[in-house]
C-alpha cells in the first residue's frame, strides 16, 4: 500500500483491520521466522567478509614482499 493512497483516501477506516489473538500469534510466528532468516543471512555475510578480509591481507602481504 502506498502512503499516498492512504493520505488521499476519504475512507481511512477502510484501511483498518483487527487482529484476533490467533492472528497476533501467527503474526508473531511470521516475524520470528523472518528475523531468524535475516540473522542467518547476517552470519553468512559476516563469514564471507572475514574470508575476503583475510584474502585481501594475504594479497597485500604478497605484494609488499615482491
PDB file of N, CA and C in Angstrom:
ATOM      1  N   UNK A   1       0.849  -1.166   0.000  1.00  0.00           N
ATOM      2  CA  UNK A   1       0.000   0.000   0.000  1.00  0.00           C
ATOM      3  C   UNK A   1       0.898   1.233   0.000  1.00  0.00           C
ATOM      4  N   UNK A   2       0.590   2.135  -0.827  1.00  0.00           N
ATOM      5  CA  UNK A   2       1.346   3.380  -0.866  1.00  0.00           C
ATOM      6  C   UNK A   2       0.765   4.361   0.140  1.00  0.00           C
ATOM      7  N   UNK A   3       1.640   5.109   0.759  1.00  0.00           N
ATOM      8  CA  UNK A   3       1.186   6.091   1.741  1.00  0.00           C
ATOM      9  C   UNK A   3       0.286   7.132   1.101  1.00  0.00           C
ATOM     10  N   UNK A   4       0.550   7.453  -0.160  1.00  0.00           N
ATOM     11  CA  UNK A   4      -0.286   8.464  -0.829  1.00  0.00           C
ATOM     12  C   UNK A   4      -1.717   7.963  -0.991  1.00  0.00           C
ATOM     13  N   UNK A   5      -1.886   6.658  -1.203  1.00  0.00           N
ATOM     14  CA  UNK A   5      -3.245   6.113  -1.299  1.00  0.00           C
ATOM     15  C   UNK A   5      -4.006   6.345  -0.003  1.00  0.00           C
ATOM     16  N   UNK A   6      -3.321   6.085   1.113  1.00  0.00           N
ATOM     17  CA  UNK A   6      -3.956   6.288   2.418  1.00  0.00           C
ATOM     18  C   UNK A   6      -4.230   7.768   2.647  1.00  0.00           C
ATOM     19  N   UNK A   7      -3.235   8.577   2.361  1.00  0.00           N
ATOM     20  CA  UNK A   7      -3.337  10.017   2.593  1.00  0.00           C
ATOM     21  C   UNK A   7      -4.497  10.619   1.812  1.00  0.00           C
ATOM     22  N   UNK A   8      -4.693  10.169   0.578  1.00  0.00           N
ATOM     23  CA  UNK A   8      -5.728  10.738  -0.285  1.00  0.00           C
ATOM     24  C   UNK A   8      -7.094  10.080  -0.113  1.00  0.00           C
ATOM     25  N   UNK A   9      -7.159   9.030   0.675  1.00  0.00           N
ATOM     26  CA  UNK A   9      -8.412   8.303   0.845  1.00  0.00           C
ATOM     27  C   UNK A   9      -9.406   9.094   1.685  1.00  0.00           C
ATOM     28  N   UNK A  10     -10.650   9.080   1.231  1.00  0.00           N
ATOM     29  CA  UNK A  10     -11.725   9.702   2.001  1.00  0.00           C
ATOM     30  C   UNK A  10     -12.252   8.726   3.053  1.00  0.00           C
ATOM     31  N   UNK A  11     -11.949   7.432   2.882  1.00  0.00           N
ATOM     32  CA  UNK A  11     -12.414   6.392   3.806  1.00  0.00           C
ATOM     33  C   UNK A  11     -11.217   5.725   4.473  1.00  0.00           C
ATOM     34  N   UNK A  12     -10.558   6.436   5.340  1.00  0.00           N
ATOM     35  CA  UNK A  12      -9.371   5.902   6.009  1.00  0.00           C
ATOM     36  C   UNK A  12      -9.698   4.679   6.859  1.00  0.00           C
ATOM     37  N   UNK A  13     -10.934   4.597   7.332  1.00  0.00           N
ATOM     38  CA  UNK A  13     -11.319   3.441   8.142  1.00  0.00           C
ATOM     39  C   UNK A  13     -11.275   2.145   7.327  1.00  0.00           C
ATOM     40  N   UNK A  14     -11.299   2.247   6.016  1.00  0.00           N
ATOM     41  CA  UNK A  14     -11.213   1.056   5.170  1.00  0.00           C
ATOM     42  C   UNK A  14      -9.831   0.398   5.274  1.00  0.00           C
ATOM     43  N   UNK A  15      -8.852   1.123   5.779  1.00  0.00           N
ATOM     44  CA  UNK A  15      -7.501   0.592   5.909  1.00  0.00           C
ATOM     45  C   UNK A  15      -7.269  -0.098   7.251  1.00  0.00           C
ATOM     46  N   UNK A  16      -8.230  -0.035   8.154  1.00  0.00           N
ATOM     47  CA  UNK A  16      -8.094  -0.647   9.470  1.00  0.00           C
ATOM     48  C   UNK A  16      -8.435  -2.132   9.428  1.00  0.00           C
ATOM     49  N   UNK A  17      -7.790  -2.891  10.272  1.00  0.00           N
ATOM     50  CA  UNK A  17      -8.152  -4.291  10.453  1.00  0.00           C
ATOM     51  C   UNK A  17      -7.886  -4.676  11.896  1.00  0.00           C
ATOM     52  N   UNK A  18      -8.573  -5.703  12.339  1.00  0.00           N
ATOM     53  CA  UNK A  18      -8.471  -6.143  13.717  1.00  0.00           C
ATOM     54  C   UNK A  18      -7.808  -7.509  13.750  1.00  0.00           C
ATOM     55  N   UNK A  19      -6.797  -7.637  14.589  1.00  0.00           N
ATOM     56  CA  UNK A  19      -6.141  -8.930  14.755  1.00  0.00           C
ATOM     57  C   UNK A  19      -6.757  -9.647  15.946  1.00  0.00           C
ATOM     58  N   UNK A  20      -7.113 -10.885  15.723  1.00  0.00           N
ATOM     59  CA  UNK A  20      -7.607 -11.730  16.805  1.00  0.00           C
ATOM     60  C   UNK A  20      -6.392 -12.253  17.581  1.00  0.00           C
ATOM     61  N   UNK A  21      -6.593 -12.811  18.758  1.00  0.00           N
ATOM     62  CA  UNK A  21      -5.450 -13.407  19.479  1.00  0.00           C
ATOM     63  C   UNK A  21      -4.711 -14.430  18.606  1.00  0.00           C
ATOM     64  N   UNK A  22      -5.459 -15.228  17.849  1.00  0.00           N
ATOM     65  CA  UNK A  22      -4.823 -16.209  16.962  1.00  0.00           C
ATOM     66  C   UNK A  22      -4.025 -15.494  15.863  1.00  0.00           C
ATOM     67  N   UNK A  23      -4.573 -14.398  15.355  1.00  0.00           N
ATOM     68  CA  UNK A  23      -3.881 -13.628  14.327  1.00  0.00           C
ATOM     69  C   UNK A  23      -2.604 -12.994  14.851  1.00  0.00           C
ATOM     70  N   UNK A  24      -2.647 -12.529  16.090  1.00  0.00           N
ATOM     71  CA  UNK A  24      -1.461 -11.945  16.714  1.00  0.00           C
ATOM     72  C   UNK A  24      -0.377 -13.010  16.885  1.00  0.00           C
ATOM     73  N   UNK A  25      -0.776 -14.203  17.292  1.00  0.00           N
ATOM     74  CA  UNK A  25       0.190 -15.306  17.433  1.00  0.00           C
ATOM     75  C   UNK A  25       0.828 -15.640  16.090  1.00  0.00           C
ATOM     76  N   UNK A  26       0.020 -15.693  15.050  1.00  0.00           N
ATOM     77  CA  UNK A  26       0.552 -16.005  13.715  1.00  0.00           C
ATOM     78  C   UNK A  26       1.490 -14.904  13.244  1.00  0.00           C
ATOM     79  N   UNK A  27       1.125 -13.659  13.470  1.00  0.00           N
ATOM     80  CA  UNK A  27       1.977 -12.538  13.096  1.00  0.00           C
ATOM     81  C   UNK A  27       3.308 -12.634  13.837  1.00  0.00           C
ATOM     82  N   UNK A  28       3.272 -13.000  15.101  1.00  0.00           N
ATOM     83  CA  UNK A  28       4.498 -13.159  15.886  1.00  0.00           C
ATOM     84  C   UNK A  28       5.361 -14.288  15.321  1.00  0.00           C
ATOM     85  N   UNK A  29       4.728 -15.411  14.954  1.00  0.00           N
ATOM     86  CA  UNK A  29       5.481 -16.532  14.367  1.00  0.00           C
ATOM     87  C   UNK A  29       6.152 -16.122  13.061  1.00  0.00           C
ATOM     88  N   UNK A  30       5.412 -15.412  12.220  1.00  0.00           N
ATOM     89  CA  UNK A  30       5.960 -14.958  10.944  1.00  0.00           C
ATOM     90  C   UNK A  30       7.133 -14.009  11.178  1.00  0.00           C
ATOM     91  N   UNK A  31       6.985 -13.129  12.155  1.00  0.00           N
ATOM     92  CA  UNK A  31       8.045 -12.168  12.469  1.00  0.00           C
ATOM     93  C   UNK A  31       9.292 -12.883  12.975  1.00  0.00           C
ATOM     94  N   UNK A  32       9.120 -13.850  13.857  1.00  0.00           N
ATOM     95  CA  UNK A  32      10.264 -14.611  14.382  1.00  0.00           C
ATOM     96  C   UNK A  32      10.958 -15.360  13.246  1.00  0.00           C
ATOM     97  N   UNK A  33      10.182 -15.981  12.364  1.00  0.00           N
ATOM     98  CA  UNK A  33      10.755 -16.702  11.223  1.00  0.00           C
ATOM     99  C   UNK A  33      11.550 -15.740  10.334  1.00  0.00           C
ATOM    100  N   UNK A  34      11.000 -14.560  10.075  1.00  0.00           N
ATOM    101  CA  UNK A  34      11.684 -13.560   9.264  1.00  0.00           C
ATOM    102  C   UNK A  34      12.995 -13.143   9.926  1.00  0.00           C
ATOM    103  N   UNK A  35      12.950 -12.859  11.227  1.00  0.00           N
ATOM    104  CA  UNK A  35      14.151 -12.426  11.933  1.00  0.00           C
ATOM    105  C   UNK A  35      15.222 -13.512  11.957  1.00  0.00           C
ATOM    106  N   UNK A  36      14.808 -14.759  12.128  1.00  0.00           N
ATOM    107  CA  UNK A  36      15.786 -15.872  12.100  1.00  0.00           C
ATOM    108  C   UNK A  36      16.461 -15.966  10.734  1.00  0.00           C
ATOM    109  N   UNK A  37      15.684 -15.803   9.687  1.00  0.00           N
ATOM    110  CA  UNK A  37      16.252 -15.833   8.338  1.00  0.00           C
ATOM    111  C   UNK A  37      17.247 -14.708   8.125  1.00  0.00           C
ATOM    112  N   UNK A  38      16.896 -13.520   8.592  1.00  0.00           N
ATOM    113  CA  UNK A  38      17.805 -12.371   8.460  1.00  0.00           C
ATOM    114  C   UNK A  38      19.065 -12.580   9.292  1.00  0.00           C
ATOM    115  N   UNK A  39      18.916 -13.209  10.462  1.00  0.00           N
ATOM    116  CA  UNK A  39      20.082 -13.495  11.303  1.00  0.00           C
ATOM    117  C   UNK A  39      21.015 -14.470  10.592  1.00  0.00           C
ATOM    118  N   UNK A  40      20.442 -15.494   9.940  1.00  0.00           N
ATOM    119  CA  UNK A  40      21.269 -16.446   9.174  1.00  0.00           C
ATOM    120  C   UNK A  40      22.002 -15.732   8.041  1.00  0.00           C
ATOM    121  N   UNK A  41      21.292 -14.868   7.319  1.00  0.00           N
ATOM    122  CA  UNK A  41      21.924 -14.102   6.242  1.00  0.00           C
ATOM    123  C   UNK A  41      23.072 -13.258   6.782  1.00  0.00           C
ATOM    124  N   UNK A  42      22.847 -12.611   7.912  1.00  0.00           N
ATOM    125  CA  UNK A  42      23.875 -11.779   8.528  1.00  0.00           C
ATOM    126  C   UNK A  42      25.112 -12.610   8.869  1.00  0.00           C
ATOM    127  N   UNK A  43      24.898 -13.759   9.490  1.00  0.00           N
ATOM    128  CA  UNK A  43      26.023 -14.619   9.880  1.00  0.00           C
ATOM    129  C   UNK A  43      26.796 -15.095   8.652  1.00  0.00           C
ATOM    130  N   UNK A  44      26.087 -15.464   7.581  1.00  0.00           N
ATOM    131  CA  UNK A  44      26.752 -15.901   6.347  1.00  0.00           C
ATOM    132  C   UNK A  44      27.569 -14.767   5.739  1.00  0.00           C
ATOM    133  N   UNK A  45      27.005 -13.567   5.701  1.00  0.00           N
ATOM    134  CA  UNK A  45      27.726 -12.414   5.165  1.00  0.00           C
ATOM    135  C   UNK A  45      28.944 -12.078   6.019  1.00  0.00           C
ATOM    136  N   UNK A  46      28.800 -12.217   7.318  1.00  0.00           N
ATOM    137  CA  UNK A  46      29.904 -11.942   8.234  1.00  0.00           C
ATOM    138  C   UNK A  46      31.084 -12.878   7.945  1.00  0.00           C
ATOM    139  N   UNK A  47      30.786 -14.164   7.740  1.00  0.00           N
ATOM    140  CA  UNK A  47      31.832 -15.144   7.414  1.00  0.00           C
ATOM    141  C   UNK A  47      32.486 -14.794   6.078  1.00  0.00           C
ATOM    142  N   UNK A  48      31.669 -14.444   5.090  1.00  0.00           N
ATOM    143  CA  UNK A  48      32.214 -14.086   3.781  1.00  0.00           C
ATOM    144  C   UNK A  48      33.117 -12.862   3.874  1.00  0.00           C
ATOM    145  N   UNK A  49      32.700 -11.861   4.639  1.00  0.00           N
ATOM    146  CA  UNK A  49      33.524 -10.666   4.807  1.00  0.00           C
ATOM    147  C   UNK A  49      34.845 -10.980   5.499  1.00  0.00           C
ATOM    148  N   UNK A  50      34.801 -11.833   6.505  1.00  0.00           N
ATOM    149  CA  UNK A  50      36.030 -12.212   7.198  1.00  0.00           C
ATOM    150  C   UNK A  50      36.983 -12.927   6.238  1.00  0.00           C
ATOM    151  N   UNK A  51      36.449 -13.797   5.375  1.00  0.00           N
ATOM    152  CA  UNK A  51      37.277 -14.501   4.396  1.00  0.00           C
ATOM    153  C   UNK A  51      37.889 -13.518   3.401  1.00  0.00           C
ATOM    154  N   UNK A  52      37.080 -12.579   2.929  1.00  0.00           N
ATOM    155  CA  UNK A  52      37.595 -11.587   1.990  1.00  0.00           C
ATOM    156  C   UNK A  52      38.658 -10.702   2.625  1.00  0.00           C
ATOM    157  N   UNK A  53      38.481 -10.353   3.880  1.00  0.00           N
ATOM    158  CA  UNK A  53      39.481  -9.543   4.582  1.00  0.00           C
ATOM    159  C   UNK A  53      40.793 -10.305   4.717  1.00  0.00           C
ATOM    160  N   UNK A  54      40.706 -11.611   5.012  1.00  0.00           N
ATOM    161  CA  UNK A  54      41.926 -12.435   5.105  1.00  0.00           C
ATOM    162  C   UNK A  54      42.628 -12.498   3.758  1.00  0.00           C
ATOM    163  N   UNK A  55      41.843 -12.740   2.695  1.00  0.00           N
ATOM    164  CA  UNK A  55      42.428 -12.816   1.352  1.00  0.00           C
ATOM    165  C   UNK A  55      43.088 -11.495   0.969  1.00  0.00           C
ATOM    166  N   UNK A  56      42.434 -10.386   1.271  1.00  0.00           N
ATOM    167  CA  UNK A  56      42.992  -9.074   0.945  1.00  0.00           C
ATOM    168  C   UNK A  56      44.289  -8.841   1.699  1.00  0.00           C
ATOM    169  N   UNK A  57      44.332  -9.230   2.968  1.00  0.00           N
ATOM    170  CA  UNK A  57      45.543  -9.065   3.770  1.00  0.00           C
ATOM    171  C   UNK A  57      46.678  -9.916   3.198  1.00  0.00           C
ATOM    172  N   UNK A  58      46.356 -11.146   2.785  1.00  0.00           N
ATOM    173  CA  UNK A  58      47.367 -12.025   2.193  1.00  0.00           C
ATOM    174  C   UNK A  58      47.916 -11.441   0.896  1.00  0.00           C
ATOM    175  N   UNK A  59      47.019 -10.910   0.070  1.00  0.00           N
ATOM    176  CA  UNK A  59      47.450 -10.309  -1.196  1.00  0.00           C
ATOM    177  C   UNK A  59      48.306  -9.085  -0.948  1.00  0.00           C
ATOM    178  N   UNK A  60      47.947  -8.319   0.075  1.00  0.00           N
ATOM    179  CA  UNK A  60      48.710  -7.121   0.407  1.00  0.00           C
ATOM    180  C   UNK A  60      50.114  -7.502   0.892  1.00  0.00           C
ATOM    181  N   UNK A  61      50.186  -8.562   1.708  1.00  0.00           N
ATOM    182  CA  UNK A  61      51.486  -9.030   2.193  1.00  0.00           C
ATOM    183  C   UNK A  61      52.342  -9.538   1.031  1.00  0.00           C
ATOM    184  N   UNK A  62      51.732 -10.299   0.138  1.00  0.00           N
ATOM    185  CA  UNK A  62      52.465 -10.845  -1.003  1.00  0.00           C
ATOM    186  C   UNK A  62      52.942  -9.726  -1.913  1.00  0.00           C
ATOM    187  N   UNK A  63      52.166  -8.684  -2.062  1.00  0.00           N
ATOM    188  CA  UNK A  63      52.545  -7.549  -2.900  1.00  0.00           C
ATOM    189  C   UNK A  63      53.668  -6.737  -2.298  1.00  0.00           C
ATOM    190  N   UNK A  64      53.728  -6.664  -1.001  1.00  0.00           N
ATOM    191  CA  UNK A  64      54.785  -5.866  -0.356  1.00  0.00           C
ATOM    192  C   UNK A  64      56.093  -6.635  -0.256  1.00  0.00           C
ATOM    193  N   UNK A  65      56.053  -7.951  -0.437  1.00  0.00           N
ATOM    194  CA  UNK A  65      57.275  -8.767  -0.375  1.00  0.00           C
ATOM    195  C   UNK A  65      58.038  -8.705  -1.689  1.00  0.00           C
ATOM    196  N   UNK A  66      57.344  -8.464  -2.774  1.00  0.00           N
ATOM    197  CA  UNK A  66      57.970  -8.544  -4.087  1.00  0.00           C
ATOM    198  C   UNK A  66      58.486  -7.279  -4.538  1.00  0.00           C
TER     199      UNK A  66
END
